[in-house]
PDB file of N, CA and C in Angstrom:
ATOM      1  N   MET A   1     -14.438   2.467 -21.656  1.00  0.00           N
ATOM      2  CA  MET A   1     -13.077   2.556 -21.139  1.00  0.00           C
ATOM      3  C   MET A   1     -12.476   3.901 -21.559  1.00  0.00           C
ATOM      4  N   GLN A   2     -11.915   4.600 -20.600  1.00  0.00           N
ATOM      5  CA  GLN A   2     -11.370   5.916 -20.898  1.00  0.00           C
ATOM      6  C   GLN A   2      -9.914   5.844 -21.356  1.00  0.00           C
ATOM      7  N   THR A   3      -9.509   6.839 -22.117  1.00  0.00           N
ATOM      8  CA  THR A   3      -8.128   6.930 -22.569  1.00  0.00           C
ATOM      9  C   THR A   3      -7.296   7.564 -21.460  1.00  0.00           C
ATOM     10  N   ARG A   4      -5.986   7.538 -21.646  1.00  0.00           N
ATOM     11  CA  ARG A   4      -5.101   8.178 -20.656  1.00  0.00           C
ATOM     12  C   ARG A   4      -5.371   9.680 -20.603  1.00  0.00           C
ATOM     13  N   ILE A   5      -5.618  10.286 -21.768  1.00  0.00           N
ATOM     14  CA  ILE A   5      -5.891  11.727 -21.824  1.00  0.00           C
ATOM     15  C   ILE A   5      -7.181  12.042 -21.061  1.00  0.00           C
ATOM     16  N   GLU A   6      -8.197  11.218 -21.268  1.00  0.00           N
ATOM     17  CA  GLU A   6      -9.462  11.415 -20.553  1.00  0.00           C
ATOM     18  C   GLU A   6      -9.270  11.244 -19.052  1.00  0.00           C
ATOM     19  N   ALA A   7      -8.476  10.259 -18.669  1.00  0.00           N
ATOM     20  CA  ALA A   7      -8.207  10.031 -17.240  1.00  0.00           C
ATOM     21  C   ALA A   7      -7.495  11.234 -16.631  1.00  0.00           C
ATOM     22  N   LEU A   8      -6.485  11.753 -17.334  1.00  0.00           N
ATOM     23  CA  LEU A   8      -5.757  12.913 -16.801  1.00  0.00           C
ATOM     24  C   LEU A   8      -6.664  14.131 -16.708  1.00  0.00           C
ATOM     25  N   TYR A   9      -7.558  14.289 -17.668  1.00  0.00           N
ATOM     26  CA  TYR A   9      -8.498  15.413 -17.599  1.00  0.00           C
ATOM     27  C   TYR A   9      -9.402  15.264 -16.375  1.00  0.00           C
ATOM     28  N   LYS A  10      -9.949  14.084 -16.181  1.00  0.00           N
ATOM     29  CA  LYS A  10     -10.823  13.833 -15.034  1.00  0.00           C
ATOM     30  C   LYS A  10     -10.066  14.089 -13.725  1.00  0.00           C
ATOM     31  N   LEU A  11      -8.830  13.628 -13.646  1.00  0.00           N
ATOM     32  CA  LEU A  11      -8.015  13.849 -12.451  1.00  0.00           C
ATOM     33  C   LEU A  11      -7.751  15.335 -12.229  1.00  0.00           C
ATOM     34  N   SER A  12      -7.587  16.079 -13.315  1.00  0.00           N
ATOM     35  CA  SER A  12      -7.311  17.522 -13.204  1.00  0.00           C
ATOM     36  C   SER A  12      -8.498  18.280 -12.618  1.00  0.00           C
ATOM     37  N   GLN A  13      -9.676  17.683 -12.652  1.00  0.00           N
ATOM     38  CA  GLN A  13     -10.879  18.305 -12.104  1.00  0.00           C
ATOM     39  C   GLN A  13     -11.019  18.076 -10.594  1.00  0.00           C
ATOM     40  N   SER A  14     -10.180  17.198 -10.054  1.00  0.00           N
ATOM     41  CA  SER A  14     -10.184  16.920  -8.619  1.00  0.00           C
ATOM     42  C   SER A  14      -9.216  17.873  -7.919  1.00  0.00           C
ATOM     43  N   LYS A  15      -9.712  18.600  -6.934  1.00  0.00           N
ATOM     44  CA  LYS A  15      -8.852  19.527  -6.191  1.00  0.00           C
ATOM     45  C   LYS A  15      -7.672  18.791  -5.553  1.00  0.00           C
ATOM     46  N   PHE A  16      -7.946  17.615  -4.976  1.00  0.00           N
ATOM     47  CA  PHE A  16      -6.886  16.852  -4.316  1.00  0.00           C
ATOM     48  C   PHE A  16      -5.875  16.309  -5.331  1.00  0.00           C
ATOM     49  N   ARG A  17      -6.347  15.602  -6.348  1.00  0.00           N
ATOM     50  CA  ARG A  17      -5.434  14.979  -7.320  1.00  0.00           C
ATOM     51  C   ARG A  17      -4.635  16.020  -8.095  1.00  0.00           C
ATOM     52  N   SER A  18      -5.250  17.141  -8.399  1.00  0.00           N
ATOM     53  CA  SER A  18      -4.551  18.167  -9.176  1.00  0.00           C
ATOM     54  C   SER A  18      -3.571  18.981  -8.342  1.00  0.00           C
ATOM     55  N   SER A  19      -3.539  18.724  -7.034  1.00  0.00           N
ATOM     56  CA  SER A  19      -2.602  19.456  -6.172  1.00  0.00           C
ATOM     57  C   SER A  19      -1.194  18.857  -6.198  1.00  0.00           C
ATOM     58  N   PHE A  20      -1.049  17.681  -6.785  1.00  0.00           N
ATOM     59  CA  PHE A  20       0.262  17.030  -6.835  1.00  0.00           C
ATOM     60  C   PHE A  20       1.055  17.527  -8.041  1.00  0.00           C
ATOM     61  N   HIS A  21       2.310  17.856  -7.788  1.00  0.00           N
ATOM     62  CA  HIS A  21       3.213  18.294  -8.855  1.00  0.00           C
ATOM     63  C   HIS A  21       4.623  17.847  -8.512  1.00  0.00           C
ATOM     64  N   LEU A  22       5.423  17.645  -9.533  1.00  0.00           N
ATOM     65  CA  LEU A  22       6.825  17.331  -9.299  1.00  0.00           C
ATOM     66  C   LEU A  22       7.554  18.577  -8.846  1.00  0.00           C
ATOM     67  N   LYS A  23       8.351  18.435  -7.814  1.00  0.00           N
ATOM     68  CA  LYS A  23       9.206  19.526  -7.355  1.00  0.00           C
ATOM     69  C   LYS A  23      10.458  19.542  -8.230  1.00  0.00           C
ATOM     70  N   GLU A  24      11.225  20.597  -8.105  1.00  0.00           N
ATOM     71  CA  GLU A  24      12.427  20.737  -8.932  1.00  0.00           C
ATOM     72  C   GLU A  24      13.388  19.561  -8.735  1.00  0.00           C
ATOM     73  N   LYS A  25      13.543  19.097  -7.486  1.00  0.00           N
ATOM     74  CA  LYS A  25      14.453  17.968  -7.236  1.00  0.00           C
ATOM     75  C   LYS A  25      13.931  16.691  -7.895  1.00  0.00           C
ATOM     76  N   ASP A  26      12.608  16.531  -7.961  1.00  0.00           N
ATOM     77  CA  ASP A  26      12.028  15.374  -8.650  1.00  0.00           C
ATOM     78  C   ASP A  26      12.330  15.442 -10.145  1.00  0.00           C
ATOM     79  N   LYS A  27      12.185  16.637 -10.709  1.00  0.00           N
ATOM     80  CA  LYS A  27      12.460  16.820 -12.137  1.00  0.00           C
ATOM     81  C   LYS A  27      13.938  16.552 -12.449  1.00  0.00           C
ATOM     82  N   LEU A  28      14.811  17.014 -11.571  1.00  0.00           N
ATOM     83  CA  LEU A  28      16.248  16.764 -11.758  1.00  0.00           C
ATOM     84  C   LEU A  28      16.541  15.268 -11.702  1.00  0.00           C
ATOM     85  N   TYR A  29      15.867  14.574 -10.804  1.00  0.00           N
ATOM     86  CA  TYR A  29      16.035  13.123 -10.691  1.00  0.00           C
ATOM     87  C   TYR A  29      15.606  12.439 -11.996  1.00  0.00           C
ATOM     88  N   VAL A  30      14.467  12.848 -12.539  1.00  0.00           N
ATOM     89  CA  VAL A  30      13.985  12.270 -13.801  1.00  0.00           C
ATOM     90  C   VAL A  30      14.982  12.552 -14.916  1.00  0.00           C
ATOM     91  N   GLU A  31      15.467  13.773 -14.981  1.00  0.00           N
ATOM     92  CA  GLU A  31      16.444  14.128 -16.018  1.00  0.00           C
ATOM     93  C   GLU A  31      17.723  13.311 -15.862  1.00  0.00           C
ATOM     94  N   GLU A  32      18.179  13.156 -14.633  1.00  0.00           N
ATOM     95  CA  GLU A  32      19.411  12.412 -14.362  1.00  0.00           C
ATOM     96  C   GLU A  32      19.270  10.933 -14.738  1.00  0.00           C
ATOM     97  N   LYS A  33      18.170  10.327 -14.341  1.00  0.00           N
ATOM     98  CA  LYS A  33      17.970   8.889 -14.563  1.00  0.00           C
ATOM     99  C   LYS A  33      17.488   8.572 -15.968  1.00  0.00           C
ATOM    100  N   GLY A  34      16.673   9.456 -16.533  1.00  0.00           N
ATOM    101  CA  GLY A  34      16.095   9.204 -17.853  1.00  0.00           C
ATOM    102  C   GLY A  34      14.757   8.486 -17.734  1.00  0.00           C
ATOM    103  N   MET A  35      13.933   8.659 -18.741  1.00  0.00           N
ATOM    104  CA  MET A  35      12.570   8.128 -18.703  1.00  0.00           C
ATOM    105  C   MET A  35      12.528   6.601 -18.719  1.00  0.00           C
ATOM    106  N   ASP A  36      13.490   5.952 -19.343  1.00  0.00           N
ATOM    107  CA  ASP A  36      13.497   4.486 -19.356  1.00  0.00           C
ATOM    108  C   ASP A  36      13.674   3.924 -17.943  1.00  0.00           C
ATOM    109  N   VAL A  37      14.569   4.525 -17.174  1.00  0.00           N
ATOM    110  CA  VAL A  37      14.789   4.075 -15.796  1.00  0.00           C
ATOM    111  C   VAL A  37      13.560   4.384 -14.949  1.00  0.00           C
ATOM    112  N   ILE A  38      12.980   5.566 -15.133  1.00  0.00           N
ATOM    113  CA  ILE A  38      11.778   5.934 -14.381  1.00  0.00           C
ATOM    114  C   ILE A  38      10.649   4.964 -14.709  1.00  0.00           C
ATOM    115  N   ARG A  39      10.508   4.570 -15.962  1.00  0.00           N
ATOM    116  CA  ARG A  39       9.486   3.587 -16.348  1.00  0.00           C
ATOM    117  C   ARG A  39       9.737   2.252 -15.640  1.00  0.00           C
ATOM    118  N   ARG A  40      10.992   1.819 -15.568  1.00  0.00           N
ATOM    119  CA  ARG A  40      11.301   0.567 -14.851  1.00  0.00           C
ATOM    120  C   ARG A  40      10.931   0.680 -13.374  1.00  0.00           C
ATOM    121  N   HIS A  41      11.231   1.837 -12.783  1.00  0.00           N
ATOM    122  CA  HIS A  41      10.846   2.056 -11.384  1.00  0.00           C
ATOM    123  C   HIS A  41       9.329   1.983 -11.245  1.00  0.00           C
ATOM    124  N   ALA A  42       8.611   2.621 -12.158  1.00  0.00           N
ATOM    125  CA  ALA A  42       7.141   2.607 -12.112  1.00  0.00           C
ATOM    126  C   ALA A  42       6.622   1.175 -12.218  1.00  0.00           C
ATOM    127  N   CYS A  43       7.189   0.396 -13.117  1.00  0.00           N
ATOM    128  CA  CYS A  43       6.782  -1.010 -13.250  1.00  0.00           C
ATOM    129  C   CYS A  43       7.001  -1.763 -11.945  1.00  0.00           C
ATOM    130  N   ASP A  44       8.162  -1.548 -11.334  1.00  0.00           N
ATOM    131  CA  ASP A  44       8.473  -2.221 -10.064  1.00  0.00           C
ATOM    132  C   ASP A  44       7.516  -1.787  -8.955  1.00  0.00           C
ATOM    133  N   PHE A  45       7.263  -0.483  -8.852  1.00  0.00           N
ATOM    134  CA  PHE A  45       6.372   0.007  -7.795  1.00  0.00           C
ATOM    135  C   PHE A  45       4.956  -0.514  -7.976  1.00  0.00           C
ATOM    136  N   VAL A  46       4.459  -0.505  -9.203  1.00  0.00           N
ATOM    137  CA  VAL A  46       3.097  -1.000  -9.452  1.00  0.00           C
ATOM    138  C   VAL A  46       3.022  -2.490  -9.127  1.00  0.00           C
ATOM    139  N   ARG A  47       4.010  -3.234  -9.585  1.00  0.00           N
ATOM    140  CA  ARG A  47       4.024  -4.677  -9.315  1.00  0.00           C
ATOM    141  C   ARG A  47       4.119  -4.963  -7.822  1.00  0.00           C
ATOM    142  N   ASN A  48       4.991  -4.240  -7.119  1.00  0.00           N
ATOM    143  CA  ASN A  48       5.243  -4.531  -5.708  1.00  0.00           C
ATOM    144  C   ASN A  48       4.242  -3.896  -4.743  1.00  0.00           C
ATOM    145  N   LYS A  49       3.607  -2.806  -5.134  1.00  0.00           N
ATOM    146  CA  LYS A  49       2.719  -2.097  -4.220  1.00  0.00           C
ATOM    147  C   LYS A  49       1.234  -2.259  -4.548  1.00  0.00           C
ATOM    148  N   LEU A  50       0.900  -2.641  -5.784  1.00  0.00           N
ATOM    149  CA  LEU A  50      -0.506  -2.676  -6.182  1.00  0.00           C
ATOM    150  C   LEU A  50      -1.001  -3.999  -6.745  1.00  0.00           C
ATOM    151  N   ALA A  51      -0.119  -4.783  -7.329  1.00  0.00           N
ATOM    152  CA  ALA A  51      -0.561  -5.916  -8.143  1.00  0.00           C
ATOM    153  C   ALA A  51      -1.177  -7.066  -7.358  1.00  0.00           C
ATOM    154  N   ASP A  52      -0.774  -7.260  -6.109  1.00  0.00           N
ATOM    155  CA  ASP A  52      -1.325  -8.362  -5.324  1.00  0.00           C
ATOM    156  C   ASP A  52      -2.822  -8.178  -5.080  1.00  0.00           C
ATOM    157  N   SER A  53      -3.492  -9.279  -4.832  1.00  0.00           N
ATOM    158  CA  SER A  53      -4.929  -9.227  -4.508  1.00  0.00           C
ATOM    159  C   SER A  53      -5.182  -8.352  -3.293  1.00  0.00           C
ATOM    160  N   TYR A  54      -4.352  -8.510  -2.283  1.00  0.00           N
ATOM    161  CA  TYR A  54      -4.459  -7.756  -1.042  1.00  0.00           C
ATOM    162  C   TYR A  54      -3.069  -7.218  -0.687  1.00  0.00           C
ATOM    163  N   PRO A  55      -2.687  -6.068  -1.278  1.00  0.00           N
ATOM    164  CA  PRO A  55      -1.350  -5.531  -1.016  1.00  0.00           C
ATOM    165  C   PRO A  55      -1.141  -5.237   0.465  1.00  0.00           C
ATOM    166  N   LYS A  56       0.086  -5.436   0.903  1.00  0.00           N
ATOM    167  CA  LYS A  56       0.449  -5.142   2.293  1.00  0.00           C
ATOM    168  C   LYS A  56       0.222  -3.657   2.567  1.00  0.00           C
ATOM    169  N   ASN A  57      -0.401  -3.360   3.699  1.00  0.00           N
ATOM    170  CA  ASN A  57      -0.678  -1.975   4.122  1.00  0.00           C
ATOM    171  C   ASN A  57      -1.484  -1.195   3.088  1.00  0.00           C
ATOM    172  N   ASP A  58      -2.412  -1.863   2.431  1.00  0.00           N
ATOM    173  CA  ASP A  58      -3.175  -1.194   1.371  1.00  0.00           C
ATOM    174  C   ASP A  58      -3.807   0.084   1.906  1.00  0.00           C
ATOM    175  N   GLY A  59      -3.636   1.135   1.156  1.00  0.00           N
ATOM    176  CA  GLY A  59      -4.120   2.453   1.560  1.00  0.00           C
ATOM    177  C   GLY A  59      -3.032   3.298   2.189  1.00  0.00           C
ATOM    178  N   LYS A  60      -1.932   2.648   2.559  1.00  0.00           N
ATOM    179  CA  LYS A  60      -0.822   3.366   3.193  1.00  0.00           C
ATOM    180  C   LYS A  60       0.525   2.946   2.599  1.00  0.00           C
ATOM    181  N   GLN A  61       0.499   2.180   1.512  1.00  0.00           N
ATOM    182  CA  GLN A  61       1.738   1.606   1.006  1.00  0.00           C
ATOM    183  C   GLN A  61       2.557   2.548   0.120  1.00  0.00           C
ATOM    184  N   THR A  62       1.956   3.626  -0.351  1.00  0.00           N
ATOM    185  CA  THR A  62       2.671   4.519  -1.259  1.00  0.00           C
ATOM    186  C   THR A  62       3.019   5.822  -0.552  1.00  0.00           C
ATOM    187  N   PRO A  63       4.308   6.092  -0.384  1.00  0.00           N
ATOM    188  CA  PRO A  63       4.711   7.351   0.260  1.00  0.00           C
ATOM    189  C   PRO A  63       4.235   8.564  -0.533  1.00  0.00           C
ATOM    190  N   MET A  64       4.087   9.678   0.133  1.00  0.00           N
ATOM    191  CA  MET A  64       3.637  10.920  -0.509  1.00  0.00           C
ATOM    192  C   MET A  64       4.795  11.692  -1.143  1.00  0.00           C
ATOM    193  N   LYS A  65       6.008  11.246  -0.905  1.00  0.00           N
ATOM    194  CA  LYS A  65       7.177  11.927  -1.474  1.00  0.00           C
ATOM    195  C   LYS A  65       8.331  10.933  -1.519  1.00  0.00           C
ATOM    196  N   GLY A  66       9.444  11.368  -2.116  1.00  0.00           N
ATOM    197  CA  GLY A  66      10.630  10.526  -2.128  1.00  0.00           C
ATOM    198  C   GLY A  66      10.985   9.957  -3.484  1.00  0.00           C
ATOM    199  N   HIS A  67      10.038   9.963  -4.412  1.00  0.00           N
ATOM    200  CA  HIS A  67      10.307   9.480  -5.768  1.00  0.00           C
ATOM    201  C   HIS A  67       9.237  10.056  -6.692  1.00  0.00           C
ATOM    202  N   PRO A  68       9.617  10.487  -7.884  1.00  0.00           N
ATOM    203  CA  PRO A  68       8.627  11.051  -8.812  1.00  0.00           C
ATOM    204  C   PRO A  68       7.453  10.104  -9.101  1.00  0.00           C
ATOM    205  N   VAL A  69       7.710   8.819  -9.132  1.00  0.00           N
ATOM    206  CA  VAL A  69       6.630   7.871  -9.405  1.00  0.00           C
ATOM    207  C   VAL A  69       5.627   7.850  -8.250  1.00  0.00           C
ATOM    208  N   PHE A  70       6.090   8.000  -7.011  1.00  0.00           N
ATOM    209  CA  PHE A  70       5.164   8.045  -5.886  1.00  0.00           C
ATOM    210  C   PHE A  70       4.214   9.239  -6.027  1.00  0.00           C
ATOM    211  N   ILE A  71       4.743  10.381  -6.418  1.00  0.00           N
ATOM    212  CA  ILE A  71       3.914  11.570  -6.617  1.00  0.00           C
ATOM    213  C   ILE A  71       2.901  11.298  -7.728  1.00  0.00           C
ATOM    214  N   ALA A  72       3.365  10.706  -8.804  1.00  0.00           N
ATOM    215  CA  ALA A  72       2.479  10.383  -9.930  1.00  0.00           C
ATOM    216  C   ALA A  72       1.385   9.403  -9.499  1.00  0.00           C
ATOM    217  N   MET A  73       1.741   8.433  -8.667  1.00  0.00           N
ATOM    218  CA  MET A  73       0.753   7.450  -8.214  1.00  0.00           C
ATOM    219  C   MET A  73      -0.389   8.134  -7.457  1.00  0.00           C
ATOM    220  N   HIS A  74      -0.064   9.124  -6.638  1.00  0.00           N
ATOM    221  CA  HIS A  74      -1.104   9.854  -5.916  1.00  0.00           C
ATOM    222  C   HIS A  74      -1.874  10.778  -6.864  1.00  0.00           C
ATOM    223  N   ALA A  75      -1.167  11.465  -7.740  1.00  0.00           N
ATOM    224  CA  ALA A  75      -1.825  12.381  -8.679  1.00  0.00           C
ATOM    225  C   ALA A  75      -2.791  11.643  -9.600  1.00  0.00           C
ATOM    226  N   CYS A  76      -2.457  10.405  -9.924  1.00  0.00           N
ATOM    227  CA  CYS A  76      -3.255   9.617 -10.866  1.00  0.00           C
ATOM    228  C   CYS A  76      -4.213   8.649 -10.178  1.00  0.00           C
ATOM    229  N   ALA A  77      -4.321   8.733  -8.861  1.00  0.00           N
ATOM    230  CA  ALA A  77      -5.207   7.845  -8.096  1.00  0.00           C
ATOM    231  C   ALA A  77      -4.853   6.376  -8.324  1.00  0.00           C
ATOM    232  N   CYS A  78      -3.554   6.117  -8.375  1.00  0.00           N
ATOM    233  CA  CYS A  78      -3.036   4.745  -8.536  1.00  0.00           C
ATOM    234  C   CYS A  78      -2.148   4.392  -7.346  1.00  0.00           C
ATOM    235  N   CYS A  79      -2.486   4.923  -6.193  1.00  0.00           N
ATOM    236  CA  CYS A  79      -1.646   4.760  -5.012  1.00  0.00           C
ATOM    237  C   CYS A  79      -2.046   3.563  -4.161  1.00  0.00           C
ATOM    238  N   CYS A  80      -3.269   3.087  -4.301  1.00  0.00           N
ATOM    239  CA  CYS A  80      -3.734   1.938  -3.536  1.00  0.00           C
ATOM    240  C   CYS A  80      -4.903   1.295  -4.276  1.00  0.00           C
ATOM    241  N   ARG A  81      -5.294   0.125  -3.830  1.00  0.00           N
ATOM    242  CA  ARG A  81      -6.390  -0.581  -4.493  1.00  0.00           C
ATOM    243  C   ARG A  81      -7.722   0.135  -4.298  1.00  0.00           C
ATOM    244  N   GLY A  82      -7.875   0.843  -3.181  1.00  0.00           N
ATOM    245  CA  GLY A  82      -9.098   1.610  -2.959  1.00  0.00           C
ATOM    246  C   GLY A  82      -9.272   2.707  -3.996  1.00  0.00           C
ATOM    247  N   CYS A  83      -8.200   3.445  -4.257  1.00  0.00           N
ATOM    248  CA  CYS A  83      -8.259   4.514  -5.263  1.00  0.00           C
ATOM    249  C   CYS A  83      -8.444   3.931  -6.662  1.00  0.00           C
ATOM    250  N   LEU A  84      -7.760   2.836  -6.938  1.00  0.00           N
ATOM    251  CA  LEU A  84      -7.950   2.190  -8.249  1.00  0.00           C
ATOM    252  C   LEU A  84      -9.406   1.775  -8.437  1.00  0.00           C
ATOM    253  N   ASN A  85     -10.030   1.298  -7.363  1.00  0.00           N
ATOM    254  CA  ASN A  85     -11.429   0.894  -7.447  1.00  0.00           C
ATOM    255  C   ASN A  85     -12.344   2.099  -7.638  1.00  0.00           C
ATOM    256  N   ARG A  86     -12.134   3.147  -6.843  1.00  0.00           N
ATOM    257  CA  ARG A  86     -12.998   4.334  -6.926  1.00  0.00           C
ATOM    258  C   ARG A  86     -12.877   5.047  -8.272  1.00  0.00           C
ATOM    259  N   TRP A  87     -11.654   5.190  -8.770  1.00  0.00           N
ATOM    260  CA  TRP A  87     -11.434   5.984  -9.977  1.00  0.00           C
ATOM    261  C   TRP A  87     -11.544   5.179 -11.267  1.00  0.00           C
ATOM    262  N   TYR A  88     -11.163   3.902 -11.210  1.00  0.00           N
ATOM    263  CA  TYR A  88     -11.077   3.117 -12.455  1.00  0.00           C
ATOM    264  C   TYR A  88     -11.873   1.814 -12.402  1.00  0.00           C
ATOM    265  N   HIS A  89     -12.602   1.596 -11.298  1.00  0.00           N
ATOM    266  CA  HIS A  89     -13.449   0.404 -11.137  1.00  0.00           C
ATOM    267  C   HIS A  89     -12.651  -0.900 -11.238  1.00  0.00           C
ATOM    268  N   VAL A  90     -11.410  -0.867 -10.739  1.00  0.00           N
ATOM    269  CA  VAL A  90     -10.576  -2.068 -10.675  1.00  0.00           C
ATOM    270  C   VAL A  90     -10.946  -2.801  -9.392  1.00  0.00           C
ATOM    271  N   GLU A  91     -11.418  -4.019  -9.550  1.00  0.00           N
ATOM    272  CA  GLU A  91     -11.898  -4.768  -8.381  1.00  0.00           C
ATOM    273  C   GLU A  91     -10.783  -5.059  -7.386  1.00  0.00           C
ATOM    274  N   LYS A  92     -11.141  -4.939  -6.115  1.00  0.00           N
ATOM    275  CA  LYS A  92     -10.226  -5.338  -5.046  1.00  0.00           C
ATOM    276  C   LYS A  92     -10.272  -6.862  -4.920  1.00  0.00           C
ATOM    277  N   GLY A  93      -9.238  -7.432  -4.340  1.00  0.00           N
ATOM    278  CA  GLY A  93      -9.227  -8.862  -4.063  1.00  0.00           C
ATOM    279  C   GLY A  93      -8.872  -9.731  -5.255  1.00  0.00           C
ATOM    280  N   ILE A  94      -8.523  -9.109  -6.360  1.00  0.00           N
ATOM    281  CA  ILE A  94      -8.114  -9.838  -7.562  1.00  0.00           C
ATOM    282  C   ILE A  94      -6.774  -9.262  -8.007  1.00  0.00           C
ATOM    283  N   PRO A  95      -5.787 -10.116  -8.278  1.00  0.00           N
ATOM    284  CA  PRO A  95      -4.489  -9.581  -8.719  1.00  0.00           C
ATOM    285  C   PRO A  95      -4.630  -8.779 -10.007  1.00  0.00           C
ATOM    286  N   LEU A  96      -3.824  -7.737 -10.140  1.00  0.00           N
ATOM    287  CA  LEU A  96      -3.813  -6.978 -11.383  1.00  0.00           C
ATOM    288  C   LEU A  96      -3.177  -7.814 -12.485  1.00  0.00           C
ATOM    289  N   THR A  97      -3.765  -7.765 -13.657  1.00  0.00           N
ATOM    290  CA  THR A  97      -3.190  -8.464 -14.805  1.00  0.00           C
ATOM    291  C   THR A  97      -1.986  -7.678 -15.308  1.00  0.00           C
ATOM    292  N   ASP A  98      -1.189  -8.317 -16.145  1.00  0.00           N
ATOM    293  CA  ASP A  98      -0.058  -7.614 -16.758  1.00  0.00           C
ATOM    294  C   ASP A  98      -0.548  -6.419 -17.568  1.00  0.00           C
ATOM    295  N   ILE A  99      -1.675  -6.572 -18.245  1.00  0.00           N
ATOM    296  CA  ILE A  99      -2.229  -5.482 -19.058  1.00  0.00           C
ATOM    297  C   ILE A  99      -2.666  -4.324 -18.161  1.00  0.00           C
ATOM    298  N   GLN A 100      -3.316  -4.616 -17.044  1.00  0.00           N
ATOM    299  CA  GLN A 100      -3.712  -3.558 -16.113  1.00  0.00           C
ATOM    300  C   GLN A 100      -2.486  -2.831 -15.562  1.00  0.00           C
ATOM    301  N   GLN A 101      -1.463  -3.586 -15.217  1.00  0.00           N
ATOM    302  CA  GLN A 101      -0.242  -2.971 -14.704  1.00  0.00           C
ATOM    303  C   GLN A 101       0.387  -2.066 -15.758  1.00  0.00           C
ATOM    304  N   GLU A 102       0.410  -2.525 -16.995  1.00  0.00           N
ATOM    305  CA  GLU A 102       0.983  -1.725 -18.086  1.00  0.00           C
ATOM    306  C   GLU A 102       0.188  -0.438 -18.292  1.00  0.00           C
ATOM    307  N   LYS A 103      -1.135  -0.523 -18.221  1.00  0.00           N
ATOM    308  CA  LYS A 103      -1.970   0.672 -18.388  1.00  0.00           C
ATOM    309  C   LYS A 103      -1.714   1.674 -17.268  1.00  0.00           C
ATOM    310  N   ILE A 104      -1.554   1.189 -16.049  1.00  0.00           N
ATOM    311  CA  ILE A 104      -1.260   2.074 -14.925  1.00  0.00           C
ATOM    312  C   ILE A 104       0.088   2.751 -15.143  1.00  0.00           C
ATOM    313  N   VAL A 105       1.088   1.981 -15.514  1.00  0.00           N
ATOM    314  CA  VAL A 105       2.425   2.545 -15.755  1.00  0.00           C
ATOM    315  C   VAL A 105       2.365   3.577 -16.875  1.00  0.00           C
ATOM    316  N   ASN A 106       1.634   3.286 -17.942  1.00  0.00           N
ATOM    317  CA  ASN A 106       1.523   4.241 -19.056  1.00  0.00           C
ATOM    318  C   ASN A 106       0.880   5.548 -18.603  1.00  0.00           C
ATOM    319  N   LEU A 107      -0.136   5.465 -17.748  1.00  0.00           N
ATOM    320  CA  LEU A 107      -0.772   6.669 -17.218  1.00  0.00           C
ATOM    321  C   LEU A 107       0.209   7.452 -16.351  1.00  0.00           C
ATOM    322  N   LEU A 108       0.918   6.753 -15.475  1.00  0.00           N
ATOM    323  CA  LEU A 108       1.903   7.415 -14.610  1.00  0.00           C
ATOM    324  C   LEU A 108       2.976   8.116 -15.437  1.00  0.00           C
ATOM    325  N   MET A 109       3.437   7.447 -16.469  1.00  0.00           N
ATOM    326  CA  MET A 109       4.501   8.014 -17.302  1.00  0.00           C
ATOM    327  C   MET A 109       4.005   9.236 -18.079  1.00  0.00           C
ATOM    328  N   LEU A 110       2.778   9.203 -18.547  1.00  0.00           N
ATOM    329  CA  LEU A 110       2.231  10.366 -19.240  1.00  0.00           C
ATOM    330  C   LEU A 110       2.127  11.549 -18.279  1.00  0.00           C
ATOM    331  N   TRP A 111       1.676  11.283 -17.058  1.00  0.00           N
ATOM    332  CA  TRP A 111       1.601  12.351 -16.067  1.00  0.00           C
ATOM    333  C   TRP A 111       2.989  12.938 -15.820  1.00  0.00           C
ATOM    334  N   ILE A 112       3.983  12.083 -15.647  1.00  0.00           N
ATOM    335  CA  ILE A 112       5.357  12.564 -15.404  1.00  0.00           C
ATOM    336  C   ILE A 112       5.860  13.351 -16.614  1.00  0.00           C
ATOM    337  N   GLU A 113       5.630  12.851 -17.804  1.00  0.00           N
ATOM    338  CA  GLU A 113       6.049  13.580 -19.017  1.00  0.00           C
ATOM    339  C   GLU A 113       5.427  14.968 -19.055  1.00  0.00           C
ATOM    340  N   ASN A 114       4.151  15.072 -18.737  1.00  0.00           N
ATOM    341  CA  ASN A 114       3.480  16.367 -18.710  1.00  0.00           C
ATOM    342  C   ASN A 114       4.077  17.289 -17.654  1.00  0.00           C
ATOM    343  N   GLU A 115       4.371  16.727 -16.491  1.00  0.00           N
ATOM    344  CA  GLU A 115       4.971  17.523 -15.414  1.00  0.00           C
ATOM    345  C   GLU A 115       6.363  18.037 -15.797  1.00  0.00           C
ATOM    346  N   MET A 116       7.080  17.255 -16.542  1.00  0.00           N
ATOM    347  CA  MET A 116       8.440  17.644 -16.943  1.00  0.00           C
ATOM    348  C   MET A 116       8.418  18.841 -17.895  1.00  0.00           C
ATOM    349  N   LYS A 117       7.301  19.082 -18.538  1.00  0.00           N
ATOM    350  CA  LYS A 117       7.170  20.209 -19.484  1.00  0.00           C
ATOM    351  C   LYS A 117       6.823  21.512 -18.767  1.00  0.00           C
ATOM    352  N   LYS A 118       6.458  21.432 -17.505  1.00  0.00           N
ATOM    353  CA  LYS A 118       6.039  22.634 -16.761  1.00  0.00           C
ATOM    354  C   LYS A 118       7.220  23.378 -16.202  1.00  0.00           C
TER     355      LYS A 118
END
């Protein structure tokens, strides 16, 4: 099992995944709302967009823009069950456990924290 740091390093080696970055307006949104609110949003998005066995519109359910967490979900390959399976070997057709959801949120938050430093 890889750590969050190892996962981010592996993602940084992907031309596609490493192309995602927070824009200035995304950073301002994070600063305005604060990391606790962003974490709550991430929890809600993961629960509502990924946690079901067969999420609605899987593969197309996460927008490419509009919220810093959406950008993080694509950058971290946590945007759909297909990406979760390819990158993290999370089986499709089985609901995500609370622990899996927490690990995804922690990865997303670390990515956002790193982006905020740039």
